[in-house]
Amino acid sequence: MHYYPENLRSQATVWMWKIRDLCIAAVLMILGALAMAGTGISFFLVTGVAYALLTMQAEEVTVMDFIVYACRYYFAEQQEFEWRLTSDET
């Protein structure tokens, strides 16, 4: 089922994925199925499933977005804390 975006600026979605993410996951899963049938290696199949799970949307936020935000907060951006003594604490 194709959902048309409500505000005309957001991207169109199919079920719980953006169309771009669904195409990438489908290609990875097809390559994974072919590689699994030919060689028995399941790397692409597992990668496709993992990518599909990480890009599922719930209220315009994906699991991958949350992981990126958390890594950026904890590792990439400098955290600055200031401790001051206020007049109420004396």
PDB file of N, CA and C in Angstrom:
ATOM      1  N   MET A   1       0.847  -1.171   0.000  1.00  0.00           N
ATOM      2  CA  MET A   1       0.000   0.000   0.000  1.00  0.00           C
ATOM      3  C   MET A   1       0.891   1.233   0.000  1.00  0.00           C
ATOM      4  N   HIS A   2       0.627   2.151  -0.876  1.00  0.00           N
ATOM      5  CA  HIS A   2       1.420   3.367  -1.033  1.00  0.00           C
ATOM      6  C   HIS A   2       0.712   4.508  -0.317  1.00  0.00           C
ATOM      7  N   TYR A   3       1.420   5.168   0.583  1.00  0.00           N
ATOM      8  CA  TYR A   3       0.860   6.299   1.311  1.00  0.00           C
ATOM      9  C   TYR A   3       1.396   7.593   0.727  1.00  0.00           C
ATOM     10  N   TYR A   4       0.503   8.478   0.320  1.00  0.00           N
ATOM     11  CA  TYR A   4       0.923   9.762  -0.205  1.00  0.00           C
ATOM     12  C   TYR A   4       1.230  10.672   0.969  1.00  0.00           C
ATOM     13  N   PRO A   5       2.332  11.428   0.918  1.00  0.00           N
ATOM     14  CA  PRO A   5       2.695  12.278   2.060  1.00  0.00           C
ATOM     15  C   PRO A   5       1.651  13.356   2.317  1.00  0.00           C
ATOM     16  N   GLU A   6       1.398  13.602   3.588  1.00  0.00           N
ATOM     17  CA  GLU A   6       0.365  14.556   3.976  1.00  0.00           C
ATOM     18  C   GLU A   6       0.748  15.995   3.678  1.00  0.00           C
ATOM     19  N   ASN A   7       1.992  16.371   3.937  1.00  0.00           N
ATOM     20  CA  ASN A   7       2.368  17.767   3.793  1.00  0.00           C
ATOM     21  C   ASN A   7       3.074  18.052   2.472  1.00  0.00           C
ATOM     22  N   LEU A   8       3.143  17.099   1.571  1.00  0.00           N
ATOM     23  CA  LEU A   8       3.728  17.210   0.232  1.00  0.00           C
ATOM     24  C   LEU A   8       5.219  17.508   0.242  1.00  0.00           C
ATOM     25  N   ARG A   9       5.854  17.634   1.382  1.00  0.00           N
ATOM     26  CA  ARG A   9       7.297  17.831   1.449  1.00  0.00           C
ATOM     27  C   ARG A   9       7.997  16.576   1.958  1.00  0.00           C
ATOM     28  N   SER A  10       7.306  15.734   2.657  1.00  0.00           N
ATOM     29  CA  SER A  10       7.924  14.503   3.141  1.00  0.00           C
ATOM     30  C   SER A  10       7.944  13.473   2.010  1.00  0.00           C
ATOM     31  N   GLN A  11       8.773  12.460   2.189  1.00  0.00           N
ATOM     32  CA  GLN A  11       8.923  11.451   1.148  1.00  0.00           C
ATOM     33  C   GLN A  11       7.799  10.434   1.220  1.00  0.00           C
ATOM     34  N   ALA A  12       7.454   9.894   0.070  1.00  0.00           N
ATOM     35  CA  ALA A  12       6.412   8.871  -0.002  1.00  0.00           C
ATOM     36  C   ALA A  12       6.923   7.578   0.626  1.00  0.00           C
ATOM     37  N   THR A  13       6.029   6.836   1.237  1.00  0.00           N
ATOM     38  CA  THR A  13       6.399   5.600   1.905  1.00  0.00           C
ATOM     39  C   THR A  13       5.577   4.437   1.374  1.00  0.00           C
ATOM     40  N   VAL A  14       6.154   3.253   1.480  1.00  0.00           N
ATOM     41  CA  VAL A  14       5.460   2.013   1.171  1.00  0.00           C
ATOM     42  C   VAL A  14       5.524   1.185   2.442  1.00  0.00           C
ATOM     43  N   TRP A  15       4.382   0.868   3.000  1.00  0.00           N
ATOM     44  CA  TRP A  15       4.262   0.214   4.293  1.00  0.00           C
ATOM     45  C   TRP A  15       4.997   1.025   5.351  1.00  0.00           C
ATOM     46  N   MET A  16       6.148   0.578   5.830  1.00  0.00           N
ATOM     47  CA  MET A  16       6.846   1.306   6.887  1.00  0.00           C
ATOM     48  C   MET A  16       8.209   1.822   6.435  1.00  0.00           C
ATOM     49  N   TRP A  17       8.472   1.839   5.126  1.00  0.00           N
ATOM     50  CA  TRP A  17       9.772   2.250   4.608  1.00  0.00           C
ATOM     51  C   TRP A  17       9.616   3.360   3.581  1.00  0.00           C
ATOM     52  N   LYS A  18      10.665   4.195   3.477  1.00  0.00           N
ATOM     53  CA  LYS A  18      10.750   5.100   2.344  1.00  0.00           C
ATOM     54  C   LYS A  18      11.023   4.250   1.117  1.00  0.00           C
ATOM     55  N   ILE A  19      10.617   4.718  -0.040  1.00  0.00           N
ATOM     56  CA  ILE A  19      10.760   3.925  -1.254  1.00  0.00           C
ATOM     57  C   ILE A  19      12.225   3.613  -1.539  1.00  0.00           C
ATOM     58  N   ARG A  20      13.117   4.573  -1.320  1.00  0.00           N
ATOM     59  CA  ARG A  20      14.549   4.360  -1.544  1.00  0.00           C
ATOM     60  C   ARG A  20      15.080   3.243  -0.644  1.00  0.00           C
ATOM     61  N   ASP A  21      14.716   3.269   0.642  1.00  0.00           N
ATOM     62  CA  ASP A  21      15.190   2.250   1.580  1.00  0.00           C
ATOM     63  C   ASP A  21      14.633   0.870   1.237  1.00  0.00           C
ATOM     64  N   LEU A  22      13.390   0.822   0.801  1.00  0.00           N
ATOM     65  CA  LEU A  22      12.790  -0.457   0.426  1.00  0.00           C
ATOM     66  C   LEU A  22      13.486  -1.045  -0.794  1.00  0.00           C
ATOM     67  N   CYS A  23      13.858  -0.212  -1.764  1.00  0.00           N
ATOM     68  CA  CYS A  23      14.571  -0.693  -2.952  1.00  0.00           C
ATOM     69  C   CYS A  23      15.959  -1.212  -2.591  1.00  0.00           C
ATOM     70  N   ILE A  24      16.675  -0.501  -1.726  1.00  0.00           N
ATOM     71  CA  ILE A  24      18.010  -0.946  -1.305  1.00  0.00           C
ATOM     72  C   ILE A  24      17.920  -2.276  -0.572  1.00  0.00           C
ATOM     73  N   ALA A  25      16.971  -2.400   0.333  1.00  0.00           N
ATOM     74  CA  ALA A  25      16.816  -3.652   1.077  1.00  0.00           C
ATOM     75  C   ALA A  25      16.428  -4.796   0.148  1.00  0.00           C
ATOM     76  N   ALA A  26      15.564  -4.527  -0.825  1.00  0.00           N
ATOM     77  CA  ALA A  26      15.149  -5.571  -1.766  1.00  0.00           C
ATOM     78  C   ALA A  26      16.322  -6.043  -2.617  1.00  0.00           C
ATOM     79  N   VAL A  27      17.150  -5.109  -3.103  1.00  0.00           N
ATOM     80  CA  VAL A  27      18.320  -5.493  -3.906  1.00  0.00           C
ATOM     81  C   VAL A  27      19.290  -6.320  -3.067  1.00  0.00           C
ATOM     82  N   LEU A  28      19.534  -5.890  -1.828  1.00  0.00           N
ATOM     83  CA  LEU A  28      20.436  -6.660  -0.963  1.00  0.00           C
ATOM     84  C   LEU A  28      19.888  -8.056  -0.687  1.00  0.00           C
ATOM     85  N   MET A  29      18.592  -8.179  -0.499  1.00  0.00           N
ATOM     86  CA  MET A  29      18.008  -9.492  -0.233  1.00  0.00           C
ATOM     87  C   MET A  29      18.030 -10.383  -1.470  1.00  0.00           C
ATOM     88  N   ILE A  30      17.815  -9.802  -2.657  1.00  0.00           N
ATOM     89  CA  ILE A  30      17.897 -10.592  -3.893  1.00  0.00           C
ATOM     90  C   ILE A  30      19.322 -11.069  -4.117  1.00  0.00           C
ATOM     91  N   LEU A  31      20.305 -10.153  -3.946  1.00  0.00           N
ATOM     92  CA  LEU A  31      21.709 -10.566  -4.051  1.00  0.00           C
ATOM     93  C   LEU A  31      22.044 -11.622  -3.004  1.00  0.00           C
ATOM     94  N   GLY A  32      21.493 -11.477  -1.819  1.00  0.00           N
ATOM     95  CA  GLY A  32      21.730 -12.453  -0.757  1.00  0.00           C
ATOM     96  C   GLY A  32      21.157 -13.811  -1.083  1.00  0.00           C
ATOM     97  N   ALA A  33      19.966 -13.816  -1.668  1.00  0.00           N
ATOM     98  CA  ALA A  33      19.358 -15.099  -2.038  1.00  0.00           C
ATOM     99  C   ALA A  33      20.161 -15.780  -3.141  1.00  0.00           C
ATOM    100  N   LEU A  34      20.645 -14.988  -4.118  1.00  0.00           N
ATOM    101  CA  LEU A  34      21.461 -15.573  -5.185  1.00  0.00           C
ATOM    102  C   LEU A  34      22.803 -16.075  -4.648  1.00  0.00           C
ATOM    103  N   ALA A  35      23.439 -15.303  -3.769  1.00  0.00           N
ATOM    104  CA  ALA A  35      24.715 -15.723  -3.184  1.00  0.00           C
ATOM    105  C   ALA A  35      24.538 -16.940  -2.291  1.00  0.00           C
ATOM    106  N   MET A  36      23.424 -16.986  -1.572  1.00  0.00           N
ATOM    107  CA  MET A  36      23.172 -18.123  -0.679  1.00  0.00           C
ATOM    108  C   MET A  36      22.934 -19.393  -1.497  1.00  0.00           C
ATOM    109  N   ALA A  37      22.212 -19.252  -2.608  1.00  0.00           N
ATOM    110  CA  ALA A  37      21.953 -20.425  -3.444  1.00  0.00           C
ATOM    111  C   ALA A  37      23.220 -20.914  -4.135  1.00  0.00           C
ATOM    112  N   GLY A  38      24.084 -19.979  -4.555  1.00  0.00           N
ATOM    113  CA  GLY A  38      25.281 -20.366  -5.291  1.00  0.00           C
ATOM    114  C   GLY A  38      26.428 -20.809  -4.422  1.00  0.00           C
ATOM    115  N   THR A  39      26.690 -20.079  -3.342  1.00  0.00           N
ATOM    116  CA  THR A  39      27.879 -20.363  -2.547  1.00  0.00           C
ATOM    117  C   THR A  39      27.585 -20.760  -1.104  1.00  0.00           C
ATOM    118  N   GLY A  40      26.403 -20.468  -0.641  1.00  0.00           N
ATOM    119  CA  GLY A  40      26.075 -20.774   0.750  1.00  0.00           C
ATOM    120  C   GLY A  40      26.447 -19.654   1.703  1.00  0.00           C
ATOM    121  N   ILE A  41      26.929 -18.527   1.164  1.00  0.00           N
ATOM    122  CA  ILE A  41      27.299 -17.384   2.004  1.00  0.00           C
ATOM    123  C   ILE A  41      26.058 -16.511   2.208  1.00  0.00           C
ATOM    124  N   SER A  42      25.733 -16.233   3.441  1.00  0.00           N
ATOM    125  CA  SER A  42      24.499 -15.499   3.731  1.00  0.00           C
ATOM    126  C   SER A  42      24.744 -14.048   4.131  1.00  0.00           C
ATOM    127  N   PHE A  43      25.916 -13.485   3.820  1.00  0.00           N
ATOM    128  CA  PHE A  43      26.259 -12.130   4.243  1.00  0.00           C
ATOM    129  C   PHE A  43      25.284 -11.095   3.691  1.00  0.00           C
ATOM    130  N   PHE A  44      25.022 -11.132   2.380  1.00  0.00           N
ATOM    131  CA  PHE A  44      24.134 -10.134   1.774  1.00  0.00           C
ATOM    132  C   PHE A  44      22.693 -10.296   2.250  1.00  0.00           C
ATOM    133  N   LEU A  45      22.282 -11.512   2.481  1.00  0.00           N
ATOM    134  CA  LEU A  45      20.923 -11.747   2.971  1.00  0.00           C
ATOM    135  C   LEU A  45      20.750 -11.182   4.372  1.00  0.00           C
ATOM    136  N   VAL A  46      21.710 -11.422   5.239  1.00  0.00           N
ATOM    137  CA  VAL A  46      21.664 -10.882   6.604  1.00  0.00           C
ATOM    138  C   VAL A  46      21.767  -9.361   6.576  1.00  0.00           C
ATOM    139  N   THR A  47      22.615  -8.826   5.690  1.00  0.00           N
ATOM    140  CA  THR A  47      22.751  -7.382   5.559  1.00  0.00           C
ATOM    141  C   THR A  47      21.454  -6.747   5.090  1.00  0.00           C
ATOM    142  N   GLY A  48      20.792  -7.361   4.145  1.00  0.00           N
ATOM    143  CA  GLY A  48      19.508  -6.844   3.656  1.00  0.00           C
ATOM    144  C   GLY A  48      18.433  -6.840   4.721  1.00  0.00           C
ATOM    145  N   VAL A  49      18.357  -7.902   5.495  1.00  0.00           N
ATOM    146  CA  VAL A  49      17.370  -7.980   6.578  1.00  0.00           C
ATOM    147  C   VAL A  49      17.683  -6.949   7.659  1.00  0.00           C
ATOM    148  N   ALA A  50      18.962  -6.826   8.010  1.00  0.00           N
ATOM    149  CA  ALA A  50      19.355  -5.843   9.027  1.00  0.00           C
ATOM    150  C   ALA A  50      19.057  -4.426   8.550  1.00  0.00           C
ATOM    151  N   TYR A  51      19.360  -4.128   7.283  1.00  0.00           N
ATOM    152  CA  TYR A  51      19.074  -2.797   6.740  1.00  0.00           C
ATOM    153  C   TYR A  51      17.568  -2.529   6.740  1.00  0.00           C
ATOM    154  N   ALA A  52      16.780  -3.522   6.394  1.00  0.00           N
ATOM    155  CA  ALA A  52      15.323  -3.353   6.397  1.00  0.00           C
ATOM    156  C   ALA A  52      14.812  -3.081   7.810  1.00  0.00           C
ATOM    157  N   LEU A  53      15.341  -3.773   8.798  1.00  0.00           N
ATOM    158  CA  LEU A  53      14.901  -3.547  10.174  1.00  0.00           C
ATOM    159  C   LEU A  53      15.342  -2.179  10.701  1.00  0.00           C
ATOM    160  N   LEU A  54      16.549  -1.746  10.316  1.00  0.00           N
ATOM    161  CA  LEU A  54      17.051  -0.465  10.801  1.00  0.00           C
ATOM    162  C   LEU A  54      16.373   0.734  10.142  1.00  0.00           C
ATOM    163  N   THR A  55      15.790   0.552   8.968  1.00  0.00           N
ATOM    164  CA  THR A  55      15.177   1.682   8.272  1.00  0.00           C
ATOM    165  C   THR A  55      13.652   1.690   8.375  1.00  0.00           C
ATOM    166  N   MET A  56      13.076   0.872   9.198  1.00  0.00           N
ATOM    167  CA  MET A  56      11.626   0.929   9.421  1.00  0.00           C
ATOM    168  C   MET A  56      11.268   2.254  10.073  1.00  0.00           C
ATOM    169  N   GLN A  57      10.188   2.856   9.620  1.00  0.00           N
ATOM    170  CA  GLN A  57       9.786   4.155  10.149  1.00  0.00           C
ATOM    171  C   GLN A  57       8.636   4.026  11.131  1.00  0.00           C
ATOM    172  N   ALA A  58       8.710   4.816  12.177  1.00  0.00           N
ATOM    173  CA  ALA A  58       7.601   4.982  13.117  1.00  0.00           C
ATOM    174  C   ALA A  58       7.552   6.464  13.441  1.00  0.00           C
ATOM    175  N   GLU A  59       6.543   7.134  12.976  1.00  0.00           N
ATOM    176  CA  GLU A  59       6.364   8.569  13.198  1.00  0.00           C
ATOM    177  C   GLU A  59       7.556   9.374  12.694  1.00  0.00           C
ATOM    178  N   GLU A  60       7.970   9.119  11.463  1.00  0.00           N
ATOM    179  CA  GLU A  60       9.034   9.862  10.775  1.00  0.00           C
ATOM    180  C   GLU A  60      10.433   9.658  11.350  1.00  0.00           C
ATOM    181  N   VAL A  61      10.633   8.709  12.239  1.00  0.00           N
ATOM    182  CA  VAL A  61      11.956   8.431  12.807  1.00  0.00           C
ATOM    183  C   VAL A  61      12.241   6.949  12.630  1.00  0.00           C
ATOM    184  N   THR A  62      13.470   6.649  12.201  1.00  0.00           N
ATOM    185  CA  THR A  62      13.872   5.255  12.038  1.00  0.00           C
ATOM    186  C   THR A  62      14.832   4.863  13.166  1.00  0.00           C
ATOM    187  N   VAL A  63      15.051   3.584  13.306  1.00  0.00           N
ATOM    188  CA  VAL A  63      15.996   3.095  14.297  1.00  0.00           C
ATOM    189  C   VAL A  63      17.401   3.587  13.946  1.00  0.00           C
ATOM    190  N   MET A  64      17.735   3.608  12.650  1.00  0.00           N
ATOM    191  CA  MET A  64      19.049   4.075  12.226  1.00  0.00           C
ATOM    192  C   MET A  64      19.246   5.555  12.569  1.00  0.00           C
ATOM    193  N   ASP A  65      18.194   6.368  12.407  1.00  0.00           N
ATOM    194  CA  ASP A  65      18.283   7.777  12.790  1.00  0.00           C
ATOM    195  C   ASP A  65      18.580   7.921  14.277  1.00  0.00           C
ATOM    196  N   PHE A  66      17.892   7.124  15.091  1.00  0.00           N
ATOM    197  CA  PHE A  66      18.114   7.182  16.527  1.00  0.00           C
ATOM    198  C   PHE A  66      19.544   6.795  16.888  1.00  0.00           C
ATOM    199  N   ILE A  67      20.086   5.753  16.243  1.00  0.00           N
ATOM    200  CA  ILE A  67      21.462   5.331  16.513  1.00  0.00           C
ATOM    201  C   ILE A  67      22.438   6.419  16.095  1.00  0.00           C
ATOM    202  N   VAL A  68      22.194   7.053  14.941  1.00  0.00           N
ATOM    203  CA  VAL A  68      23.066   8.135  14.480  1.00  0.00           C
ATOM    204  C   VAL A  68      23.010   9.311  15.443  1.00  0.00           C
ATOM    205  N   TYR A  69      21.819   9.684  15.910  1.00  0.00           N
ATOM    206  CA  TYR A  69      21.680  10.786  16.860  1.00  0.00           C
ATOM    207  C   TYR A  69      22.406  10.470  18.166  1.00  0.00           C
ATOM    208  N   ALA A  70      22.274   9.240  18.649  1.00  0.00           N
ATOM    209  CA  ALA A  70      22.919   8.856  19.904  1.00  0.00           C
ATOM    210  C   ALA A  70      24.442   8.858  19.769  1.00  0.00           C
ATOM    211  N   CYS A  71      24.971   8.330  18.672  1.00  0.00           N
ATOM    212  CA  CYS A  71      26.428   8.333  18.469  1.00  0.00           C
ATOM    213  C   CYS A  71      26.950   9.755  18.318  1.00  0.00           C
ATOM    214  N   ARG A  72      26.206  10.591  17.606  1.00  0.00           N
ATOM    215  CA  ARG A  72      26.636  11.976  17.452  1.00  0.00           C
ATOM    216  C   ARG A  72      26.642  12.685  18.801  1.00  0.00           C
ATOM    217  N   TYR A  73      25.650  12.426  19.629  1.00  0.00           N
ATOM    218  CA  TYR A  73      25.571  13.075  20.935  1.00  0.00           C
ATOM    219  C   TYR A  73      26.701  12.624  21.858  1.00  0.00           C
ATOM    220  N   TYR A  74      26.951  11.312  21.902  1.00  0.00           N
ATOM    221  CA  TYR A  74      27.927  10.787  22.859  1.00  0.00           C
ATOM    222  C   TYR A  74      29.373  10.847  22.372  1.00  0.00           C
ATOM    223  N   PHE A  75      29.605  10.746  21.053  1.00  0.00           N
ATOM    224  CA  PHE A  75      30.970  10.623  20.569  1.00  0.00           C
ATOM    225  C   PHE A  75      31.454  11.794  19.728  1.00  0.00           C
ATOM    226  N   ALA A  76      30.602  12.412  18.942  1.00  0.00           N
ATOM    227  CA  ALA A  76      31.068  13.398  17.971  1.00  0.00           C
ATOM    228  C   ALA A  76      31.008  14.835  18.481  1.00  0.00           C
ATOM    229  N   GLU A  77      29.988  15.166  19.223  1.00  0.00           N
ATOM    230  CA  GLU A  77      29.841  16.546  19.671  1.00  0.00           C
ATOM    231  C   GLU A  77      30.456  16.727  21.051  1.00  0.00           C
ATOM    232  N   GLN A  78      31.065  17.876  21.240  1.00  0.00           N
ATOM    233  CA  GLN A  78      31.677  18.164  22.528  1.00  0.00           C
ATOM    234  C   GLN A  78      30.590  18.512  23.534  1.00  0.00           C
ATOM    235  N   GLN A  79      30.672  17.876  24.684  1.00  0.00           N
ATOM    236  CA  GLN A  79      29.724  18.143  25.756  1.00  0.00           C
ATOM    237  C   GLN A  79      30.337  19.176  26.695  1.00  0.00           C
ATOM    238  N   GLU A  80      29.586  20.184  27.028  1.00  0.00           N
ATOM    239  CA  GLU A  80      30.103  21.241  27.885  1.00  0.00           C
ATOM    240  C   GLU A  80      29.163  21.413  29.070  1.00  0.00           C
ATOM    241  N   PHE A  81      29.727  21.318  30.259  1.00  0.00           N
ATOM    242  CA  PHE A  81      28.952  21.466  31.482  1.00  0.00           C
ATOM    243  C   PHE A  81      29.551  22.597  32.307  1.00  0.00           C
ATOM    244  N   GLU A  82      28.714  23.421  32.874  1.00  0.00           N
ATOM    245  CA  GLU A  82      29.179  24.509  33.735  1.00  0.00           C
ATOM    246  C   GLU A  82      28.547  24.342  35.107  1.00  0.00           C
ATOM    247  N   TRP A  83      29.382  24.344  36.122  1.00  0.00           N
ATOM    248  CA  TRP A  83      28.907  24.219  37.486  1.00  0.00           C
ATOM    249  C   TRP A  83      29.131  25.556  38.179  1.00  0.00           C
ATOM    250  N   ARG A  84      28.080  26.116  38.669  1.00  0.00           N
ATOM    251  CA  ARG A  84      28.179  27.398  39.351  1.00  0.00           C
ATOM    252  C   ARG A  84      27.482  27.319  40.696  1.00  0.00           C
ATOM    253  N   LEU A  85      28.002  28.039  41.630  1.00  0.00           N
ATOM    254  CA  LEU A  85      27.397  28.135  42.939  1.00  0.00           C
ATOM    255  C   LEU A  85      26.423  29.324  42.923  1.00  0.00           C
ATOM    256  N   THR A  86      25.167  29.046  43.180  1.00  0.00           N
ATOM    257  CA  THR A  86      24.189  30.118  43.195  1.00  0.00           C
ATOM    258  C   THR A  86      24.020  30.625  44.619  1.00  0.00           C
ATOM    259  N   SER A  87      23.405  31.757  44.768  1.00  0.00           N
ATOM    260  CA  SER A  87      23.240  32.359  46.088  1.00  0.00           C
ATOM    261  C   SER A  87      22.286  31.558  46.972  1.00  0.00           C
ATOM    262  N   ASP A  88      21.401  30.749  46.382  1.00  0.00           N
ATOM    263  CA  ASP A  88      20.469  29.944  47.170  1.00  0.00           C
ATOM    264  C   ASP A  88      21.161  28.772  47.860  1.00  0.00           C
ATOM    265  N   GLU A  89      22.279  28.331  47.359  1.00  0.00           N
ATOM    266  CA  GLU A  89      22.955  27.159  47.900  1.00  0.00           C
ATOM    267  C   GLU A  89      23.933  27.486  49.019  1.00  0.00           C
ATOM    268  N   THR A  90      24.183  28.734  49.350  1.00  0.00           N
ATOM    269  CA  THR A  90      25.146  29.095  50.387  1.00  0.00           C
ATOM    270  C   THR A  90      24.531  29.106  51.758  1.00  0.00           C
TER     271      THR A  90
END
